[in-house]
Amino acid sequence: MKYYRLWVLAFLLKFIGSAWDASYHFKYLFEEYSIPHIVNTLGFVLGGYLLFKEWRRAQYMDQFSRNLITIGYVLFLIGIPLDFTYHIAYGIDLTTWSPTHFIYYIATGIMIFGVWRGYYLFTGDVKPDWKSMHTWFAMFLLECLMFPNMQQENGAISYDQYIHGKSIASQEILELISDPASQIFGGIPEWVYPIYSVLMVALLTVLIIRICRDFTIPVMAAVLYIFLRFVGKAIFAAVGYPTSYVPITLLLIPLCFFLFKKMNWLAGLTGSLAYFLVLFAIHKFDILITPPLELWELVPAVILGALVPAINALYKPHPALKKNKQLA
């Protein structure tokens, strides 16, 4: 298990570096060699070393998992010069929704899924449960999917500080902001945030339950994700860095599947409804500083939440998803 524990460490370093980077760029301008980028790179390098070992001598992964991770690494490396070029052309590094950033997300997601698949097959004789590393890999994939939303999660608090004259952004940032709301929130429509959240969390929850046949893993992955986000928020607040809204209501989506013990449209509808209504109440009554939210966004969010498990029910399990007992 040491091999896969090192992969957990690699992705954890990338998790820390990415969260730090999101906070960093709400205070300072783009820098290639900032400390958050270095931490992220350490995780990338550690993973690269583990992948190299597997290419030299296959021990812990099947060929497809190894190749999948390699594709993720190559795609990520292609994204680096493209991202630098993008920021040279467009300047300020304040949006998580740029095309080059999505290359990073897709590449990282492929890496995580490849490692997770390798671990799933390597432990093929053991039923997956939340106490295993399945929870960690599920959490890393959740973080990868949710990272684009940090534009609004960091933006919510940074914008509130700005309009109240308490911004902690550097003078360089403040001088470049001509339209504060557009710049701070990345210029994306506010309705994207809740709809994207419901779609991604519902998809991941259904995927985990379908593959691992366990309703607890997605719940504990969400708990772990939220816990680590709160830890990061506390540290950033302590050292004077921008903080973000932590999406605590995401937990309600996998929790409803866990309570229903079924992957049906009713569990998806109830989870997305609970997620949105609790988030709206937090926003409406100013309990926490949340991203912008309108009540009409409830409709598409709930529809997507119900459709994901409903569509999933139409498809039979693919043979490739069955456990390979030979790799135990």
C-alpha atoms as a PDB file:
ATOM      1  CA  MET A   1       0.000   0.000   0.000  1.00  0.00           C
ATOM      2  CA  LYS A   2       3.020   2.328   0.339  1.00  0.00           C
ATOM      3  CA  TYR A   3       2.956   2.990  -3.406  1.00  0.00           C
ATOM      4  CA  TYR A   4      -0.642   4.238  -3.322  1.00  0.00           C
ATOM      5  CA  ARG A   5      -0.097   6.159  -0.082  1.00  0.00           C
ATOM      6  CA  LEU A   6       2.601   8.110  -1.915  1.00  0.00           C
ATOM      7  CA  TRP A   7       0.071   8.862  -4.648  1.00  0.00           C
ATOM      8  CA  VAL A   8      -2.273  10.206  -1.955  1.00  0.00           C
ATOM      9  CA  LEU A   9       0.576  12.438  -0.762  1.00  0.00           C
ATOM     10  CA  ALA A  10       1.232  13.626  -4.331  1.00  0.00           C
ATOM     11  CA  PHE A  11      -2.399  14.580  -4.883  1.00  0.00           C
ATOM     12  CA  LEU A  12      -2.582  16.155  -1.419  1.00  0.00           C
ATOM     13  CA  LEU A  13       0.351  18.429  -2.320  1.00  0.00           C
ATOM     14  CA  LYS A  14      -1.476  19.384  -5.515  1.00  0.00           C
ATOM     15  CA  PHE A  15      -4.646  19.995  -3.463  1.00  0.00           C
ATOM     16  CA  ILE A  16      -2.759  22.318  -1.081  1.00  0.00           C
ATOM     17  CA  GLY A  17      -0.945  24.107  -3.883  1.00  0.00           C
ATOM     18  CA  SER A  18      -4.133  24.645  -5.902  1.00  0.00           C
ATOM     19  CA  ALA A  19      -6.141  25.999  -2.950  1.00  0.00           C
ATOM     20  CA  TRP A  20      -3.244  28.268  -2.001  1.00  0.00           C
ATOM     21  CA  ASP A  21      -2.911  29.413  -5.619  1.00  0.00           C
ATOM     22  CA  ALA A  22      -6.605  30.335  -5.805  1.00  0.00           C
ATOM     23  CA  SER A  23      -6.237  32.420  -2.645  1.00  0.00           C
ATOM     24  CA  TYR A  24      -2.894  33.875  -3.797  1.00  0.00           C
ATOM     25  CA  HIS A  25      -4.303  35.312  -7.023  1.00  0.00           C
ATOM     26  CA  PHE A  26      -7.040  37.202  -5.203  1.00  0.00           C
ATOM     27  CA  LYS A  27      -4.220  39.121  -3.526  1.00  0.00           C
ATOM     28  CA  TYR A  28      -1.305  39.185  -5.963  1.00  0.00           C
ATOM     29  CA  LEU A  29      -0.769  39.228  -9.709  1.00  0.00           C
ATOM     30  CA  PHE A  30       0.315  36.220 -11.761  1.00  0.00           C
ATOM     31  CA  GLU A  31       3.795  34.849 -10.987  1.00  0.00           C
ATOM     32  CA  GLU A  32       5.296  31.716 -12.528  1.00  0.00           C
ATOM     33  CA  TYR A  33       7.419  30.866  -9.468  1.00  0.00           C
ATOM     34  CA  SER A  34       5.093  31.642  -6.579  1.00  0.00           C
ATOM     35  CA  ILE A  35       5.208  29.303  -3.559  1.00  0.00           C
ATOM     36  CA  PRO A  36       1.743  27.821  -4.328  1.00  0.00           C
ATOM     37  CA  HIS A  37       2.963  26.879  -7.806  1.00  0.00           C
ATOM     38  CA  ILE A  38       6.051  25.258  -6.278  1.00  0.00           C
ATOM     39  CA  VAL A  39       3.950  23.175  -3.832  1.00  0.00           C
ATOM     40  CA  ASN A  40       1.708  22.081  -6.694  1.00  0.00           C
ATOM     41  CA  THR A  41       4.784  21.186  -8.740  1.00  0.00           C
ATOM     42  CA  LEU A  42       6.183  19.051  -5.889  1.00  0.00           C
ATOM     43  CA  GLY A  43       3.025  16.941  -5.991  1.00  0.00           C
ATOM     44  CA  PHE A  44       3.255  16.741  -9.773  1.00  0.00           C
ATOM     45  CA  VAL A  45       6.910  15.630  -9.615  1.00  0.00           C
ATOM     46  CA  LEU A  46       6.256  13.012  -6.912  1.00  0.00           C
ATOM     47  CA  GLY A  47       3.464  11.544  -9.019  1.00  0.00           C
ATOM     48  CA  GLY A  48       5.724  11.621 -12.066  1.00  0.00           C
ATOM     49  CA  TYR A  49       8.364   9.655 -10.158  1.00  0.00           C
ATOM     50  CA  LEU A  50       5.789   7.039  -9.116  1.00  0.00           C
ATOM     51  CA  LEU A  51       4.574   6.788 -12.698  1.00  0.00           C
ATOM     52  CA  PHE A  52       8.153   6.423 -13.965  1.00  0.00           C
ATOM     53  CA  LYS A  53       8.732   3.536 -11.543  1.00  0.00           C
ATOM     54  CA  GLU A  54       5.675   1.782 -12.923  1.00  0.00           C
ATOM     55  CA  TRP A  55       6.892   2.260 -16.501  1.00  0.00           C
ATOM     56  CA  ARG A  56      10.289   0.774 -15.598  1.00  0.00           C
ATOM     57  CA  ARG A  57       8.752  -2.232 -13.915  1.00  0.00           C
ATOM     58  CA  ALA A  58       5.013  -2.845 -13.723  1.00  0.00           C
ATOM     59  CA  GLN A  59       4.161  -3.907 -10.172  1.00  0.00           C
ATOM     60  CA  TYR A  60       1.104  -2.127  -8.836  1.00  0.00           C
ATOM     61  CA  MET A  61      -0.965  -1.149 -11.882  1.00  0.00           C
ATOM     62  CA  ASP A  62      -2.444  -2.679 -14.974  1.00  0.00           C
ATOM     63  CA  GLN A  63      -1.302  -1.312 -18.312  1.00  0.00           C
ATOM     64  CA  PHE A  64      -4.479   0.672 -19.016  1.00  0.00           C
ATOM     65  CA  SER A  65      -4.353   2.544 -15.673  1.00  0.00           C
ATOM     66  CA  ARG A  66      -0.699   3.399 -16.197  1.00  0.00           C
ATOM     67  CA  ASN A  67      -1.373   4.644 -19.734  1.00  0.00           C
ATOM     68  CA  LEU A  68      -4.332   6.696 -18.514  1.00  0.00           C
ATOM     69  CA  ILE A  69      -2.150   8.479 -15.937  1.00  0.00           C
ATOM     70  CA  THR A  70       0.477   9.073 -18.616  1.00  0.00           C
ATOM     71  CA  ILE A  71      -2.108  10.730 -20.858  1.00  0.00           C
ATOM     72  CA  GLY A  72      -3.057  12.994 -17.947  1.00  0.00           C
ATOM     73  CA  TYR A  73       0.576  13.948 -17.371  1.00  0.00           C
ATOM     74  CA  VAL A  74       1.234  14.684 -21.040  1.00  0.00           C
ATOM     75  CA  LEU A  75      -1.937  16.786 -21.282  1.00  0.00           C
ATOM     76  CA  PHE A  76      -0.954  18.722 -18.133  1.00  0.00           C
ATOM     77  CA  LEU A  77       2.526  19.425 -19.544  1.00  0.00           C
ATOM     78  CA  ILE A  78       0.972  20.667 -22.790  1.00  0.00           C
ATOM     79  CA  GLY A  79      -1.250  22.974 -20.737  1.00  0.00           C
ATOM     80  CA  ILE A  80       1.664  24.715 -18.969  1.00  0.00           C
ATOM     81  CA  PRO A  81       3.082  26.676 -21.960  1.00  0.00           C
ATOM     82  CA  LEU A  82      -0.456  27.294 -23.233  1.00  0.00           C
ATOM     83  CA  ASP A  83      -1.450  28.759 -19.846  1.00  0.00           C
ATOM     84  CA  PHE A  84       1.631  31.007 -19.712  1.00  0.00           C
ATOM     85  CA  THR A  85       0.871  32.208 -23.245  1.00  0.00           C
ATOM     86  CA  TYR A  86      -2.761  32.856 -22.305  1.00  0.00           C
ATOM     87  CA  HIS A  87      -1.765  35.014 -19.334  1.00  0.00           C
ATOM     88  CA  ILE A  88       0.826  36.910 -21.364  1.00  0.00           C
ATOM     89  CA  ALA A  89      -1.922  37.709 -23.869  1.00  0.00           C
ATOM     90  CA  TYR A  90      -4.736  38.469 -21.405  1.00  0.00           C
ATOM     91  CA  GLY A  91      -2.809  39.634 -18.342  1.00  0.00           C
ATOM     92  CA  ILE A  92      -4.367  39.305 -14.893  1.00  0.00           C
ATOM     93  CA  ASP A  93      -4.662  35.768 -13.571  1.00  0.00           C
ATOM     94  CA  LEU A  94      -8.029  36.010 -11.848  1.00  0.00           C
ATOM     95  CA  THR A  95     -10.309  33.453 -13.448  1.00  0.00           C
ATOM     96  CA  THR A  96     -10.498  29.711 -12.893  1.00  0.00           C
ATOM     97  CA  TRP A  97     -12.728  29.358 -15.964  1.00  0.00           C
ATOM     98  CA  SER A  98     -10.137  30.078 -18.671  1.00  0.00           C
ATOM     99  CA  PRO A  99      -9.694  27.459 -21.446  1.00  0.00           C
ATOM    100  CA  THR A 100      -6.108  26.700 -20.399  1.00  0.00           C
ATOM    101  CA  HIS A 101      -7.139  26.151 -16.785  1.00  0.00           C
ATOM    102  CA  PHE A 102      -9.670  23.590 -17.946  1.00  0.00           C
ATOM    103  CA  ILE A 103      -6.809  21.700 -19.605  1.00  0.00           C
ATOM    104  CA  TYR A 104      -5.284  21.448 -16.116  1.00  0.00           C
ATOM    105  CA  TYR A 105      -8.573  20.248 -14.586  1.00  0.00           C
ATOM    106  CA  ILE A 106      -9.167  17.626 -17.261  1.00  0.00           C
ATOM    107  CA  ALA A 107      -5.566  16.411 -17.098  1.00  0.00           C
ATOM    108  CA  THR A 108      -5.597  16.188 -13.292  1.00  0.00           C
ATOM    109  CA  GLY A 109      -8.948  14.389 -13.356  1.00  0.00           C
ATOM    110  CA  ILE A 110      -7.530  11.809 -15.777  1.00  0.00           C
ATOM    111  CA  MET A 111      -4.507  11.293 -13.494  1.00  0.00           C
ATOM    112  CA  ILE A 112      -6.672  10.797 -10.409  1.00  0.00           C
ATOM    113  CA  PHE A 113      -9.043   8.436 -12.178  1.00  0.00           C
ATOM    114  CA  GLY A 114      -6.116   6.416 -13.559  1.00  0.00           C
ATOM    115  CA  VAL A 115      -4.502   6.012 -10.124  1.00  0.00           C
ATOM    116  CA  TRP A 116      -7.860   5.244  -8.530  1.00  0.00           C
ATOM    117  CA  ARG A 117      -8.564   2.597 -11.176  1.00  0.00           C
ATOM    118  CA  GLY A 118      -5.156   1.037 -10.513  1.00  0.00           C
ATOM    119  CA  TYR A 119      -5.846   0.957  -6.774  1.00  0.00           C
ATOM    120  CA  TYR A 120      -9.339  -0.468  -7.362  1.00  0.00           C
ATOM    121  CA  LEU A 121      -7.930  -3.376  -9.355  1.00  0.00           C
ATOM    122  CA  PHE A 122      -4.892  -3.864  -7.104  1.00  0.00           C
ATOM    123  CA  THR A 123      -7.221  -4.330  -4.118  1.00  0.00           C
ATOM    124  CA  GLY A 124      -9.653  -6.409  -6.158  1.00  0.00           C
ATOM    125  CA  ASP A 125     -10.106  -9.042  -3.458  1.00  0.00           C
ATOM    126  CA  VAL A 126     -11.267  -6.476  -0.872  1.00  0.00           C
ATOM    127  CA  LYS A 127     -14.691  -4.843  -0.938  1.00  0.00           C
ATOM    128  CA  PRO A 128     -14.299  -1.049  -1.179  1.00  0.00           C
ATOM    129  CA  ASP A 129     -15.237   0.888   1.966  1.00  0.00           C
ATOM    130  CA  TRP A 130     -14.852   4.440   3.255  1.00  0.00           C
ATOM    131  CA  LYS A 131     -11.938   3.569   5.573  1.00  0.00           C
ATOM    132  CA  SER A 132      -9.741   2.715   2.582  1.00  0.00           C
ATOM    133  CA  MET A 133      -7.952   5.029   0.143  1.00  0.00           C
ATOM    134  CA  HIS A 134     -11.064   4.973  -2.048  1.00  0.00           C
ATOM    135  CA  THR A 135     -12.321   7.894   0.049  1.00  0.00           C
ATOM    136  CA  TRP A 136      -9.138   9.870  -0.598  1.00  0.00           C
ATOM    137  CA  PHE A 137      -9.210   9.329  -4.361  1.00  0.00           C
ATOM    138  CA  ALA A 138     -12.930  10.158  -4.459  1.00  0.00           C
ATOM    139  CA  MET A 139     -12.204  13.344  -2.508  1.00  0.00           C
ATOM    140  CA  PHE A 140      -9.387  14.348  -4.867  1.00  0.00           C
ATOM    141  CA  LEU A 141     -11.667  13.856  -7.856  1.00  0.00           C
ATOM    142  CA  LEU A 142     -14.382  15.897  -6.121  1.00  0.00           C
ATOM    143  CA  GLU A 143     -11.859  18.690  -5.474  1.00  0.00           C
ATOM    144  CA  CYS A 144     -10.771  18.611  -9.111  1.00  0.00           C
ATOM    145  CA  LEU A 145     -14.373  18.939 -10.291  1.00  0.00           C
ATOM    146  CA  MET A 146     -15.214  21.672  -7.794  1.00  0.00           C
ATOM    147  CA  PHE A 147     -12.070  23.756  -8.243  1.00  0.00           C
ATOM    148  CA  PRO A 148     -13.528  25.972 -11.030  1.00  0.00           C
ATOM    149  CA  ASN A 149     -16.147  27.166  -8.533  1.00  0.00           C
ATOM    150  CA  MET A 150     -13.462  28.630  -6.277  1.00  0.00           C
ATOM    151  CA  GLN A 151     -13.593  31.682  -8.563  1.00  0.00           C
ATOM    152  CA  GLN A 152     -16.950  32.562  -7.002  1.00  0.00           C
ATOM    153  CA  GLU A 153     -16.212  31.063  -3.574  1.00  0.00           C
ATOM    154  CA  ASN A 154     -13.148  33.270  -3.149  1.00  0.00           C
ATOM    155  CA  GLY A 155     -14.821  36.066  -5.062  1.00  0.00           C
ATOM    156  CA  ALA A 156     -17.812  36.240  -2.707  1.00  0.00           C
ATOM    157  CA  ILE A 157     -15.693  37.224   0.293  1.00  0.00           C
ATOM    158  CA  SER A 158     -13.189  39.309  -1.695  1.00  0.00           C
ATOM    159  CA  TYR A 159     -16.016  41.313  -3.313  1.00  0.00           C
ATOM    160  CA  ASP A 160     -17.699  41.854   0.053  1.00  0.00           C
ATOM    161  CA  GLN A 161     -14.406  43.190   1.425  1.00  0.00           C
ATOM    162  CA  TYR A 162     -13.970  45.400  -1.643  1.00  0.00           C
ATOM    163  CA  ILE A 163     -17.385  47.084  -1.506  1.00  0.00           C
ATOM    164  CA  HIS A 164     -16.949  47.724   2.229  1.00  0.00           C
ATOM    165  CA  GLY A 165     -13.506  49.261   1.723  1.00  0.00           C
ATOM    166  CA  LYS A 166     -11.673  46.431   3.469  1.00  0.00           C
ATOM    167  CA  SER A 167     -10.009  44.698   0.511  1.00  0.00           C
ATOM    168  CA  ILE A 168      -6.728  42.912   1.248  1.00  0.00           C
ATOM    169  CA  ALA A 169      -5.802  42.652  -2.438  1.00  0.00           C
ATOM    170  CA  SER A 170      -2.521  44.225  -3.509  1.00  0.00           C
ATOM    171  CA  GLN A 171      -2.518  47.709  -5.017  1.00  0.00           C
ATOM    172  CA  GLU A 172      -1.579  46.165  -8.384  1.00  0.00           C
ATOM    173  CA  ILE A 173      -4.786  44.146  -8.367  1.00  0.00           C
ATOM    174  CA  LEU A 174      -6.947  47.090  -7.276  1.00  0.00           C
ATOM    175  CA  GLU A 175      -5.531  49.349  -9.998  1.00  0.00           C
ATOM    176  CA  LEU A 176      -6.445  46.828 -12.702  1.00  0.00           C
ATOM    177  CA  ILE A 177     -10.062  46.363 -11.604  1.00  0.00           C
ATOM    178  CA  SER A 178     -12.291  48.457 -13.828  1.00  0.00           C
ATOM    179  CA  ASP A 179     -15.449  46.415 -13.253  1.00  0.00           C
ATOM    180  CA  PRO A 180     -15.042  44.885  -9.751  1.00  0.00           C
ATOM    181  CA  ALA A 181     -17.934  42.409  -9.915  1.00  0.00           C
ATOM    182  CA  SER A 182     -16.952  41.108 -13.344  1.00  0.00           C
ATOM    183  CA  GLN A 183     -13.259  40.854 -12.510  1.00  0.00           C
ATOM    184  CA  ILE A 184     -13.638  39.324  -9.053  1.00  0.00           C
ATOM    185  CA  PHE A 185     -16.232  36.765 -10.162  1.00  0.00           C
ATOM    186  CA  GLY A 186     -14.325  36.015 -13.371  1.00  0.00           C
ATOM    187  CA  GLY A 187     -17.008  37.373 -15.684  1.00  0.00           C
ATOM    188  CA  ILE A 188     -19.032  34.137 -15.654  1.00  0.00           C
ATOM    189  CA  PRO A 189     -22.824  34.121 -15.160  1.00  0.00           C
ATOM    190  CA  GLU A 190     -23.804  33.576 -11.522  1.00  0.00           C
ATOM    191  CA  TRP A 191     -26.227  30.769 -12.398  1.00  0.00           C
ATOM    192  CA  VAL A 192     -23.329  28.575 -13.558  1.00  0.00           C
ATOM    193  CA  TYR A 193     -22.166  27.969  -9.962  1.00  0.00           C
ATOM    194  CA  PRO A 194     -25.144  26.039  -8.446  1.00  0.00           C
ATOM    195  CA  ILE A 195     -26.045  24.215 -11.656  1.00  0.00           C
ATOM    196  CA  TYR A 196     -22.476  23.073 -12.286  1.00  0.00           C
ATOM    197  CA  SER A 197     -22.130  22.028  -8.622  1.00  0.00           C
ATOM    198  CA  VAL A 198     -25.239  19.840  -8.665  1.00  0.00           C
ATOM    199  CA  LEU A 199     -24.333  18.242 -11.991  1.00  0.00           C
ATOM    200  CA  MET A 200     -20.753  17.388 -11.035  1.00  0.00           C
ATOM    201  CA  VAL A 201     -21.478  16.149  -7.501  1.00  0.00           C
ATOM    202  CA  ALA A 202     -24.437  14.055  -8.661  1.00  0.00           C
ATOM    203  CA  LEU A 203     -22.369  12.537 -11.483  1.00  0.00           C
ATOM    204  CA  LEU A 204     -19.470  11.711  -9.177  1.00  0.00           C
ATOM    205  CA  THR A 205     -21.760  10.273  -6.493  1.00  0.00           C
ATOM    206  CA  VAL A 206     -23.516   8.000  -8.970  1.00  0.00           C
ATOM    207  CA  LEU A 207     -20.179   6.956 -10.520  1.00  0.00           C
ATOM    208  CA  ILE A 208     -18.688   6.014  -7.140  1.00  0.00           C
ATOM    209  CA  ILE A 209     -21.757   4.083  -6.017  1.00  0.00           C
ATOM    210  CA  ARG A 210     -21.977   2.286  -9.347  1.00  0.00           C
ATOM    211  CA  ILE A 211     -18.330   1.218  -9.386  1.00  0.00           C
ATOM    212  CA  CYS A 212     -17.662   0.640  -5.682  1.00  0.00           C
ATOM    213  CA  ARG A 213     -21.214  -0.451  -4.744  1.00  0.00           C
ATOM    214  CA  ASP A 214     -20.921   1.584  -1.553  1.00  0.00           C
ATOM    215  CA  PHE A 215     -23.101   4.533  -0.526  1.00  0.00           C
ATOM    216  CA  THR A 216     -20.761   5.660   2.259  1.00  0.00           C
ATOM    217  CA  ILE A 217     -17.658   6.493   0.211  1.00  0.00           C
ATOM    218  CA  PRO A 218     -19.120   9.571  -1.598  1.00  0.00           C
ATOM    219  CA  VAL A 219     -20.479  10.896   1.723  1.00  0.00           C
ATOM    220  CA  MET A 220     -17.144  10.540   3.499  1.00  0.00           C
ATOM    221  CA  ALA A 221     -15.291  11.968   0.487  1.00  0.00           C
ATOM    222  CA  ALA A 222     -17.479  15.073   0.698  1.00  0.00           C
ATOM    223  CA  VAL A 223     -16.925  15.283   4.475  1.00  0.00           C
ATOM    224  CA  LEU A 224     -13.153  15.030   3.979  1.00  0.00           C
ATOM    225  CA  TYR A 225     -13.226  17.664   1.236  1.00  0.00           C
ATOM    226  CA  ILE A 226     -15.230  20.123   3.347  1.00  0.00           C
ATOM    227  CA  PHE A 227     -13.008  19.492   6.378  1.00  0.00           C
ATOM    228  CA  LEU A 228      -9.819  20.201   4.412  1.00  0.00           C
ATOM    229  CA  ARG A 229     -11.386  23.324   2.916  1.00  0.00           C
ATOM    230  CA  PHE A 230     -12.152  24.602   6.425  1.00  0.00           C
ATOM    231  CA  VAL A 231      -8.586  23.832   7.533  1.00  0.00           C
ATOM    232  CA  GLY A 232      -7.264  25.793   4.546  1.00  0.00           C
ATOM    233  CA  LYS A 233      -9.661  28.665   5.224  1.00  0.00           C
ATOM    234  CA  ALA A 234      -8.504  28.892   8.852  1.00  0.00           C
ATOM    235  CA  ILE A 235      -4.834  28.922   7.833  1.00  0.00           C
ATOM    236  CA  PHE A 236      -5.373  31.570   5.136  1.00  0.00           C
ATOM    237  CA  ALA A 237      -7.309  33.761   7.576  1.00  0.00           C
ATOM    238  CA  ALA A 238      -4.529  33.407  10.162  1.00  0.00           C
ATOM    239  CA  VAL A 239      -1.807  34.579   7.762  1.00  0.00           C
ATOM    240  CA  GLY A 240      -3.826  37.336   6.097  1.00  0.00           C
ATOM    241  CA  TYR A 241      -4.633  35.655   2.783  1.00  0.00           C
ATOM    242  CA  PRO A 242      -8.037  35.848   1.034  1.00  0.00           C
ATOM    243  CA  THR A 243     -10.471  33.190   2.234  1.00  0.00           C
ATOM    244  CA  SER A 244     -13.384  31.518   0.467  1.00  0.00           C
ATOM    245  CA  TYR A 245     -16.902  30.305   1.089  1.00  0.00           C
ATOM    246  CA  VAL A 246     -16.747  26.574   1.854  1.00  0.00           C
ATOM    247  CA  PRO A 247     -19.505  24.706  -0.079  1.00  0.00           C
ATOM    248  CA  ILE A 248     -20.851  22.784   2.925  1.00  0.00           C
ATOM    249  CA  THR A 249     -24.227  22.050   1.325  1.00  0.00           C
ATOM    250  CA  LEU A 250     -22.588  19.821  -1.315  1.00  0.00           C
ATOM    251  CA  LEU A 251     -22.634  17.104   1.336  1.00  0.00           C
ATOM    252  CA  LEU A 252     -26.435  16.923   1.139  1.00  0.00           C
ATOM    253  CA  ILE A 253     -26.378  15.389  -2.351  1.00  0.00           C
ATOM    254  CA  PRO A 254     -24.412  12.182  -1.568  1.00  0.00           C
ATOM    255  CA  LEU A 255     -26.058  12.111   1.877  1.00  0.00           C
ATOM    256  CA  CYS A 256     -29.506  11.755   0.320  1.00  0.00           C
ATOM    257  CA  PHE A 257     -28.322   8.846  -1.835  1.00  0.00           C
ATOM    258  CA  PHE A 258     -26.919   7.275   1.337  1.00  0.00           C
ATOM    259  CA  LEU A 259     -30.219   7.731   3.222  1.00  0.00           C
ATOM    260  CA  PHE A 260     -32.336   6.397   0.358  1.00  0.00           C
ATOM    261  CA  LYS A 261     -29.849   3.544  -0.271  1.00  0.00           C
ATOM    262  CA  LYS A 262     -30.925   3.765  -3.902  1.00  0.00           C
ATOM    263  CA  MET A 263     -29.666   5.460  -7.054  1.00  0.00           C
ATOM    264  CA  ASN A 264     -33.015   6.698  -8.328  1.00  0.00           C
ATOM    265  CA  TRP A 265     -34.377  10.034  -9.517  1.00  0.00           C
ATOM    266  CA  LEU A 266     -36.034  10.685  -6.157  1.00  0.00           C
ATOM    267  CA  ALA A 267     -32.723  10.532  -4.278  1.00  0.00           C
ATOM    268  CA  GLY A 268     -31.148  12.860  -6.845  1.00  0.00           C
ATOM    269  CA  LEU A 269     -34.072  15.284  -6.741  1.00  0.00           C
ATOM    270  CA  THR A 270     -34.150  15.354  -2.925  1.00  0.00           C
ATOM    271  CA  GLY A 271     -30.386  15.852  -2.662  1.00  0.00           C
ATOM    272  CA  SER A 272     -30.227  18.696  -5.192  1.00  0.00           C
ATOM    273  CA  LEU A 273     -33.338  20.318  -3.658  1.00  0.00           C
ATOM    274  CA  ALA A 274     -31.839  20.161  -0.160  1.00  0.00           C
ATOM    275  CA  TYR A 275     -28.496  21.463  -1.443  1.00  0.00           C
ATOM    276  CA  PHE A 276     -30.054  24.474  -3.140  1.00  0.00           C
ATOM    277  CA  LEU A 277     -32.648  25.433  -0.523  1.00  0.00           C
ATOM    278  CA  VAL A 278     -30.165  25.304   2.368  1.00  0.00           C
ATOM    279  CA  LEU A 279     -27.639  27.292   0.315  1.00  0.00           C
ATOM    280  CA  PHE A 280     -30.329  29.825  -0.597  1.00  0.00           C
ATOM    281  CA  ALA A 281     -31.319  30.189   3.072  1.00  0.00           C
ATOM    282  CA  ILE A 282     -27.673  30.782   4.025  1.00  0.00           C
ATOM    283  CA  HIS A 283     -27.462  33.418   1.288  1.00  0.00           C
ATOM    284  CA  LYS A 284     -30.860  35.044   1.920  1.00  0.00           C
ATOM    285  CA  PHE A 285     -30.431  35.461   5.666  1.00  0.00           C
ATOM    286  CA  ASP A 286     -26.740  36.474   5.439  1.00  0.00           C
ATOM    287  CA  ILE A 287     -25.650  33.566   7.627  1.00  0.00           C
ATOM    288  CA  LEU A 288     -22.435  33.311   5.566  1.00  0.00           C
ATOM    289  CA  ILE A 289     -21.015  35.273   2.650  1.00  0.00           C
ATOM    290  CA  THR A 290     -21.964  33.085  -0.308  1.00  0.00           C
ATOM    291  CA  PRO A 291     -21.624  33.484  -4.087  1.00  0.00           C
ATOM    292  CA  PRO A 292     -24.560  35.258  -5.812  1.00  0.00           C
ATOM    293  CA  LEU A 293     -27.727  33.168  -5.979  1.00  0.00           C
ATOM    294  CA  GLU A 294     -31.247  33.549  -7.402  1.00  0.00           C
ATOM    295  CA  LEU A 295     -34.254  31.372  -6.547  1.00  0.00           C
ATOM    296  CA  TRP A 296     -35.070  30.541 -10.199  1.00  0.00           C
ATOM    297  CA  GLU A 297     -31.783  28.627 -10.421  1.00  0.00           C
ATOM    298  CA  LEU A 298     -33.437  25.984  -8.253  1.00  0.00           C
ATOM    299  CA  VAL A 299     -35.374  24.638 -11.267  1.00  0.00           C
ATOM    300  CA  PRO A 300     -32.473  23.637 -13.586  1.00  0.00           C
ATOM    301  CA  ALA A 301     -30.414  22.458 -10.591  1.00  0.00           C
ATOM    302  CA  VAL A 302     -33.149  20.099  -9.378  1.00  0.00           C
ATOM    303  CA  ILE A 303     -33.900  18.844 -12.888  1.00  0.00           C
ATOM    304  CA  LEU A 304     -30.241  17.927 -13.430  1.00  0.00           C
ATOM    305  CA  GLY A 305     -30.031  16.360  -9.975  1.00  0.00           C
ATOM    306  CA  ALA A 306     -32.926  14.050 -10.806  1.00  0.00           C
ATOM    307  CA  LEU A 307     -31.819  13.317 -14.390  1.00  0.00           C
ATOM    308  CA  VAL A 308     -28.328  12.037 -13.536  1.00  0.00           C
ATOM    309  CA  PRO A 309     -29.447   8.916 -11.580  1.00  0.00           C
ATOM    310  CA  ALA A 310     -32.418   8.454 -13.918  1.00  0.00           C
ATOM    311  CA  ILE A 311     -30.156   8.292 -16.978  1.00  0.00           C
ATOM    312  CA  ASN A 312     -27.702   6.085 -15.094  1.00  0.00           C
ATOM    313  CA  ALA A 313     -30.475   3.551 -14.482  1.00  0.00           C
ATOM    314  CA  LEU A 314     -30.855   3.109 -18.252  1.00  0.00           C
ATOM    315  CA  TYR A 315     -27.333   1.714 -18.670  1.00  0.00           C
ATOM    316  CA  LYS A 316     -26.117  -1.707 -17.624  1.00  0.00           C
ATOM    317  CA  PRO A 317     -22.651  -2.008 -16.001  1.00  0.00           C
ATOM    318  CA  HIS A 318     -19.825  -2.180 -18.545  1.00  0.00           C
ATOM    319  CA  PRO A 319     -17.665  -5.346 -18.312  1.00  0.00           C
ATOM    320  CA  ALA A 320     -14.573  -3.126 -17.896  1.00  0.00           C
ATOM    321  CA  LEU A 321     -15.922  -1.932 -14.559  1.00  0.00           C
ATOM    322  CA  LYS A 322     -15.993  -5.419 -13.072  1.00  0.00           C
ATOM    323  CA  LYS A 323     -13.174  -6.349 -10.723  1.00  0.00           C
ATOM    324  CA  ASN A 324     -10.148  -8.073 -12.144  1.00  0.00           C
ATOM    325  CA  LYS A 325      -9.340 -10.709  -9.533  1.00  0.00           C
ATOM    326  CA  GLN A 326      -6.018 -11.506 -11.207  1.00  0.00           C
ATOM    327  CA  LEU A 327      -4.517  -8.199 -10.010  1.00  0.00           C
ATOM    328  CA  ALA A 328      -5.112  -8.765  -6.289  1.00  0.00           C
END
